[in-house]
Structure formats: C-alpha cells, structure tokens
Amino acid sequence: MFIQILNGIVYGGLLYLLAVGLVLIFGLREVVNFAHGALFMLGAYIGFAVSAAGYWWGGLVVSMVAMAIVGCALDATVFRTLRKQDHIVTVLVTFGLMLILETVVTAIWGKAYLRYPVPPLLAGTVDIFGEPFPVYRLFVIAVAVAIALSLTAWLRFTRIGLYVRAASTDPRITSIQGINVDSLSLIVVGLGTALAGLSGVVAGPLLSLSPTMGNYILIDSFIVVVIGGLGSFAGAFIAALLIGQIHNFGAVYLPWAATILPFLLMVGILIWRPTGFAGSRT
C-alpha cells in the first residue's frame, strides 16, 4: 500500500512540475496555453539529444535554458497579443502552436518511441518496508518538492516575487506604480516554459518519448489547475498530489474507470467550489 502511495506521489510530482508553469503563465498573461504539453515534449527531446551524447545532467540544464528562451520568444510574439483577445482565439492559436511543435519534432526525431535513459547516479532501487522502489522515482519527488519550496520562497521573500504577485492581482495598478509588467511577464513566462522543459526531462525516463507524449499529461495538468484554483501555486500542489493518488489507485483497483475519475473529481469540485481549492470566492 505504501509503495502505491509513493507511486501516486511520483505522478503527482510530475503533474505539479508541468501545472505550475501553466499557473505562472496564466497568472500574468491570462493565457490558457494549450501548447504547454508540446513544450513539455520539446524539452524532453532536447534533453534526450544531449543525454544521448553522455551528458544526462547537461541535458537537464540545456533543456531548461532552451525552453526558457522559447518561452521568452513566445511571450514577446504571441502571448502579449493574446492577452487582449477572446478566449477562443487563445485556444486556437495555442492549439496551432502545439501542432507546429509536434510537426517539428516529428521531422527531426521521427514518430518512433524513444527510450530516455536513467542517469547512472540514480539507477537501482532501495528497500522501503521490505519492497524495492526505484531511486529515480524518489528523485522525481525530491525535484517536485524542491521546486515547490523554491517558488514559494521566491514569491514571498524577493522583490520580483512581490511584483509578480501584484501584477497577477491587478496589472494596470502595478504598471501605474512604475513596474514594467511586460518585462516581468517575459521573466515569468520564461520561467514557466523552463519548468515545462524540466518536467519533460524528469518525466523522460518514466515515459516513452513521442511527439504526442505531452497531450495526455497536459489534460491532467489542466485538471490540476482547475481543481487547485486558477493562479494558485498551493492549490496546484495539493491538487497534483490528489490527482496523482487517484490516477495510481484508479489504475490498480478501477482500471476501467481510471481515466474518468479525475474528470469526475473536477466536476464535483466545480459544483462545490467553482474557484477551486485555493481560489478566491470574489
């Protein structure tokens, strides 16, 4: 039972790493980014390309840097404009970006599934209550917790974090106070896409690489954002852990209903509290 709970935390950690990027981007740009799963996928492939040369940890760093650059470019050319557009326009444009990125990756790496290696340092298993558990999965949990704590500290105890919270609440008043919201958004979107790249590399050894690998986990990530509350980091963390447990135990005990259980939970939460766990009622 405890091993099953750990496996649920692992998947929840992956969901959080991806969903928190969505929360960051939506918080400042108010853009529901349907291309985020494709950014996750692209980050995984970039990391794979570097790790294939024998530099797994280098692939992690290169992927985050590359995806941060991609995110800044997207913010300057796409998201800044979409902020004032109708939501259906946002959906269509970001969905188009997803298709473009999938086509580019297919053209470079093909459609075949690729296996992402586990770094030698994290290979093997450890005994937990007499049962073996992969070291790499513990690493995934550690990365998710580290990112959650780092983001919390950044938002609460730094000047830029204060500006981000202010701009997320009211960008117009924040601009009047002399803060360049567009420059701030560039940083935040770059960070959000860098986290997408990080989650792609971290998920690589657990998932088979394919041009469509981000589609399924993106759906669960959107569910996490909705359940946790739009713009809430704490809510996203709690919701990710909850969805991770539902996904894992559902796959073991209710495989016929595992895919719909997160949707049922989302519907129930929206009926009970439309703003999500940590969303504001106002």
Protein backbone atom coordinates (compact mmCIF):
# COMPACT_ATOMS: atom_id res chain seq x y z
CA MET A 1 0.00 0.00 0.00
CA PHE A 2 2.77 2.46 0.91
CA ILE A 3 4.55 1.76 -2.38
CA GLN A 4 1.31 2.56 -4.23
CA ILE A 5 1.08 5.85 -2.35
CA LEU A 6 4.67 6.67 -3.30
CA ASN A 7 3.93 5.94 -6.95
CA GLY A 8 0.96 8.29 -6.72
CA ILE A 9 3.21 11.00 -5.26
CA VAL A 10 5.65 10.48 -8.15
CA TYR A 11 2.94 11.08 -10.74
CA GLY A 12 1.58 13.97 -8.70
CA GLY A 13 5.06 15.49 -8.63
CA LEU A 14 5.30 15.30 -12.42
CA LEU A 15 1.87 16.90 -12.73
CA TYR A 16 2.88 19.70 -10.40
CA LEU A 17 6.08 20.46 -12.34
CA LEU A 18 4.04 20.85 -15.52
CA ALA A 19 0.97 22.51 -14.00
CA VAL A 20 2.92 25.16 -12.12
CA GLY A 21 4.18 26.51 -15.44
CA LEU A 22 0.57 26.85 -16.58
CA VAL A 23 -0.24 28.69 -13.35
CA LEU A 24 2.68 31.11 -13.85
CA ILE A 25 1.74 31.93 -17.43
CA PHE A 26 -1.96 32.32 -16.70
CA GLY A 27 -1.26 34.47 -13.64
CA LEU A 28 0.33 37.29 -15.62
CA ARG A 29 -0.78 36.78 -19.22
CA GLU A 30 -4.21 35.25 -18.55
CA VAL A 31 -3.48 32.88 -21.43
CA VAL A 32 -4.68 29.28 -21.24
CA ASN A 33 -1.71 27.74 -23.01
CA PHE A 34 -2.75 24.60 -24.88
CA ALA A 35 0.79 24.37 -26.27
CA HIS A 36 2.24 23.70 -22.82
CA GLY A 37 2.18 19.94 -23.32
CA ALA A 38 4.11 20.37 -26.56
CA LEU A 39 6.68 22.49 -24.70
CA PHE A 40 6.96 19.66 -22.16
CA MET A 41 7.53 17.26 -25.06
CA LEU A 42 10.07 19.52 -26.76
CA GLY A 43 12.01 19.89 -23.51
CA ALA A 44 12.14 16.10 -23.19
CA TYR A 45 13.52 15.71 -26.70
CA ILE A 46 16.14 18.44 -26.23
CA GLY A 47 17.29 16.77 -23.02
CA PHE A 48 17.32 13.41 -24.79
CA ALA A 49 19.53 14.77 -27.58
CA VAL A 50 22.12 15.99 -25.07
CA SER A 51 21.90 12.93 -22.82
CA ALA A 52 22.47 10.69 -25.87
CA ALA A 53 25.96 12.18 -26.00
CA GLY A 54 26.55 11.03 -22.41
CA TYR A 55 25.57 14.20 -20.56
CA TRP A 56 22.31 13.46 -18.72
CA TRP A 57 22.64 16.32 -16.25
CA GLY A 58 23.80 18.61 -19.04
CA GLY A 59 20.63 17.70 -20.89
CA LEU A 60 18.59 18.82 -17.88
CA VAL A 61 20.29 22.23 -17.84
CA VAL A 62 20.30 22.70 -21.61
CA SER A 63 16.62 21.81 -21.84
CA MET A 64 15.64 24.35 -19.19
CA VAL A 65 17.72 27.12 -20.78
CA ALA A 66 16.46 26.33 -24.30
CA MET A 67 12.84 26.24 -23.18
CA ALA A 68 13.24 29.49 -21.26
CA ILE A 69 14.44 31.12 -24.49
CA VAL A 70 11.49 29.61 -26.38
CA GLY A 71 9.13 30.90 -23.69
CA CYS A 72 10.51 34.44 -23.86
CA ALA A 73 10.14 34.39 -27.65
CA LEU A 74 6.54 33.14 -27.36
CA ASP A 75 5.71 35.81 -24.79
CA ALA A 76 7.10 38.62 -26.94
CA THR A 77 5.47 37.44 -30.18
CA VAL A 78 2.31 35.56 -29.15
CA PHE A 79 1.19 35.72 -25.51
CA ARG A 80 1.50 39.50 -25.22
CA THR A 81 -1.02 39.88 -28.03
CA LEU A 82 -3.30 37.07 -26.93
CA ARG A 83 -3.87 38.64 -23.51
CA LYS A 84 -6.41 41.04 -25.02
CA GLN A 85 -8.05 38.52 -27.33
CA ASP A 86 -11.15 36.40 -26.87
CA HIS A 87 -10.56 33.06 -25.17
CA ILE A 88 -11.49 31.10 -28.31
CA VAL A 89 -8.72 32.91 -30.18
CA THR A 90 -6.27 31.92 -27.44
CA VAL A 91 -7.35 28.29 -27.69
CA LEU A 92 -7.00 28.21 -31.46
CA VAL A 93 -3.60 29.93 -31.55
CA THR A 94 -2.02 27.86 -28.78
CA PHE A 95 -3.51 24.66 -30.24
CA GLY A 96 -1.91 25.63 -33.55
CA LEU A 97 1.42 26.13 -31.76
CA MET A 98 1.07 22.63 -30.32
CA LEU A 99 0.61 21.15 -33.79
CA ILE A 100 3.58 23.10 -35.15
CA LEU A 101 5.89 21.91 -32.36
CA GLU A 102 4.75 18.31 -32.78
CA THR A 103 5.42 18.53 -36.53
CA VAL A 104 8.89 19.97 -35.97
CA VAL A 105 9.81 17.23 -33.50
CA THR A 106 8.42 14.54 -35.82
CA ALA A 107 10.51 15.90 -38.69
CA ILE A 108 13.69 15.80 -36.59
CA TRP A 109 13.29 12.65 -34.47
CA GLY A 110 10.50 10.77 -36.24
CA LYS A 111 7.37 9.16 -34.81
CA ALA A 112 9.04 6.12 -33.24
CA TYR A 113 9.02 5.83 -29.46
CA LEU A 114 12.40 6.58 -27.88
CA ARG A 115 13.73 5.38 -24.55
CA TYR A 116 15.19 8.02 -22.24
CA PRO A 117 17.97 6.55 -20.07
CA VAL A 118 18.12 6.86 -16.29
CA PRO A 119 21.35 8.56 -15.13
CA PRO A 120 23.80 6.05 -13.57
CA LEU A 121 23.82 8.02 -10.31
CA LEU A 122 20.08 7.39 -9.88
CA ALA A 123 19.89 3.84 -11.19
CA GLY A 124 18.93 0.93 -8.97
CA THR A 125 16.45 0.51 -6.16
CA VAL A 126 16.19 0.92 -2.40
CA ASP A 127 14.19 -1.19 0.05
CA ILE A 128 11.18 0.56 1.57
CA PHE A 129 9.32 -1.57 4.10
CA GLY A 130 10.85 -4.63 2.52
CA GLU A 131 9.85 -3.75 -1.05
CA PRO A 132 12.15 -2.41 -3.79
CA PHE A 133 11.50 1.11 -5.03
CA PRO A 134 13.42 2.85 -7.85
CA VAL A 135 15.83 5.53 -6.70
CA TYR A 136 14.90 7.63 -9.72
CA ARG A 137 11.30 7.90 -8.56
CA LEU A 138 12.48 9.27 -5.23
CA PHE A 139 14.49 11.81 -7.23
CA VAL A 140 11.31 12.91 -9.03
CA ILE A 141 9.59 13.50 -5.68
CA ALA A 142 12.61 15.46 -4.42
CA VAL A 143 12.65 17.69 -7.53
CA ALA A 144 8.93 18.47 -7.20
CA VAL A 145 9.29 19.37 -3.50
CA ALA A 146 12.39 21.48 -4.21
CA ILE A 147 10.62 23.43 -6.96
CA ALA A 148 7.55 23.97 -4.78
CA LEU A 149 9.66 25.33 -1.91
CA SER A 150 11.82 27.45 -4.21
CA LEU A 151 8.83 29.06 -5.93
CA THR A 152 7.18 29.76 -2.59
CA ALA A 153 10.34 31.40 -1.27
CA TRP A 154 10.81 33.38 -4.50
CA LEU A 155 7.27 34.73 -4.49
CA ARG A 156 7.18 35.57 -0.78
CA PHE A 157 10.67 36.83 0.02
CA THR A 158 12.03 38.54 -3.11
CA ARG A 159 11.22 41.88 -4.68
CA ILE A 160 10.49 40.33 -8.08
CA GLY A 161 8.19 37.83 -6.40
CA LEU A 162 6.32 40.72 -4.80
CA TYR A 163 5.97 42.37 -8.21
CA VAL A 164 4.71 39.10 -9.72
CA ARG A 165 2.03 38.74 -7.05
CA ALA A 166 0.99 42.35 -7.51
CA ALA A 167 0.84 42.10 -11.31
CA SER A 168 -1.15 38.86 -11.08
CA THR A 169 -3.72 40.64 -8.94
CA ASP A 170 -4.00 43.89 -10.92
CA PRO A 171 -1.54 44.51 -13.79
CA ARG A 172 -2.89 48.00 -14.53
CA ILE A 173 -2.36 49.33 -11.00
CA THR A 174 1.03 47.61 -10.89
CA SER A 175 2.03 49.44 -14.09
CA ILE A 176 0.92 52.75 -12.59
CA GLN A 177 3.33 52.09 -9.71
CA GLY A 178 6.19 52.16 -12.22
CA ILE A 179 6.70 48.42 -12.72
CA ASN A 180 7.19 47.20 -16.29
CA VAL A 181 4.63 44.40 -16.42
CA ASP A 182 5.67 43.28 -19.90
CA SER A 183 9.28 42.77 -18.78
CA LEU A 184 8.04 40.99 -15.68
CA SER A 185 5.85 38.74 -17.80
CA LEU A 186 8.82 37.90 -20.01
CA ILE A 187 10.64 36.57 -16.94
CA VAL A 188 7.61 34.67 -15.64
CA VAL A 189 6.72 33.05 -18.98
CA GLY A 190 10.38 32.11 -19.48
CA LEU A 191 10.36 30.51 -16.04
CA GLY A 192 7.10 28.70 -16.77
CA THR A 193 8.40 27.19 -20.00
CA ALA A 194 11.74 26.35 -18.36
CA LEU A 195 9.77 24.33 -15.81
CA ALA A 196 7.98 22.62 -18.71
CA GLY A 197 11.41 21.63 -20.04
CA LEU A 198 12.47 20.44 -16.60
CA SER A 199 9.35 18.33 -16.23
CA GLY A 200 9.90 16.84 -19.69
CA VAL A 201 13.43 15.72 -18.87
CA VAL A 202 12.43 14.42 -15.44
CA ALA A 203 9.50 12.52 -16.94
CA GLY A 204 11.60 11.15 -19.81
CA PRO A 205 12.90 8.00 -18.08
CA LEU A 206 9.39 7.21 -16.81
CA LEU A 207 7.60 7.72 -20.13
CA SER A 208 8.37 6.75 -23.70
CA LEU A 209 9.31 9.76 -25.81
CA SER A 210 6.94 10.52 -28.69
CA PRO A 211 5.72 13.70 -30.41
CA THR A 212 2.35 13.33 -28.66
CA MET A 213 3.67 12.45 -25.19
CA GLY A 214 2.53 15.76 -23.72
CA ASN A 215 -1.13 15.51 -24.70
CA TYR A 216 -2.36 13.13 -22.01
CA ILE A 217 -0.41 14.63 -19.12
CA LEU A 218 -1.48 18.12 -20.24
CA ILE A 219 -5.13 17.16 -19.72
CA ASP A 220 -4.37 16.04 -16.17
CA SER A 221 -2.38 19.25 -15.64
CA PHE A 222 -5.34 21.39 -16.66
CA ILE A 223 -7.49 19.41 -14.24
CA VAL A 224 -4.92 20.16 -11.52
CA VAL A 225 -5.02 23.89 -12.30
CA VAL A 226 -8.83 23.99 -12.27
CA ILE A 227 -9.17 21.96 -9.06
CA GLY A 228 -6.42 23.88 -7.30
CA GLY A 229 -7.74 27.27 -8.38
CA LEU A 230 -6.55 29.40 -11.29
CA GLY A 231 -3.38 31.23 -10.31
CA SER A 232 -2.85 29.33 -7.04
CA PHE A 233 0.51 27.60 -6.51
CA ALA A 234 -0.50 26.00 -3.22
CA GLY A 235 -3.76 24.79 -4.75
CA ALA A 236 -1.89 23.31 -7.72
CA PHE A 237 0.44 21.41 -5.39
CA ILE A 238 -2.40 19.93 -3.34
CA ALA A 239 -4.46 19.10 -6.43
CA ALA A 240 -1.47 17.47 -8.17
CA LEU A 241 -0.85 15.14 -5.23
CA LEU A 242 -4.57 14.29 -5.09
CA ILE A 243 -4.80 13.56 -8.83
CA GLY A 244 -1.61 11.51 -8.59
CA GLN A 245 -3.19 9.26 -5.97
CA ILE A 246 -6.46 8.98 -7.89
CA HIS A 247 -4.58 8.12 -11.08
CA ASN A 248 -2.43 5.48 -9.40
CA PHE A 249 -5.05 3.76 -7.25
CA GLY A 250 -7.58 4.01 -10.06
CA ALA A 251 -5.20 2.25 -12.45
CA VAL A 252 -4.72 -0.56 -9.90
CA TYR A 253 -8.19 -1.04 -8.45
CA LEU A 254 -10.56 0.54 -11.03
CA PRO A 255 -8.73 0.31 -14.37
CA TRP A 256 -11.99 0.59 -16.33
CA ALA A 257 -12.72 3.98 -14.74
CA ALA A 258 -9.19 5.30 -14.14
CA THR A 259 -9.28 7.82 -16.99
CA ILE A 260 -12.58 9.41 -15.95
CA LEU A 261 -12.02 9.63 -12.19
CA PRO A 262 -10.03 12.92 -12.38
CA PHE A 263 -12.81 14.43 -14.51
CA LEU A 264 -15.45 13.32 -12.03
CA LEU A 265 -13.45 14.91 -9.20
CA MET A 266 -13.12 18.13 -11.21
CA VAL A 267 -16.86 18.26 -11.83
CA GLY A 268 -17.56 17.70 -8.13
CA ILE A 269 -15.10 20.41 -7.07
CA LEU A 270 -16.54 22.90 -9.57
CA ILE A 271 -20.04 22.25 -8.24
CA TRP A 272 -18.95 22.55 -4.61
CA ARG A 273 -16.44 25.38 -5.05
CA PRO A 274 -16.21 26.82 -8.59
CA THR A 275 -13.00 28.71 -7.83
CA GLY A 276 -11.12 25.54 -6.80
CA PHE A 277 -9.41 24.61 -3.53
CA ALA A 278 -7.37 27.79 -3.12
CA GLY A 279 -9.18 30.15 -5.47
CA SER A 280 -10.82 33.33 -4.29
CA ARG A 281 -14.59 33.41 -3.92
CA THR A 282 -14.73 37.01 -5.06
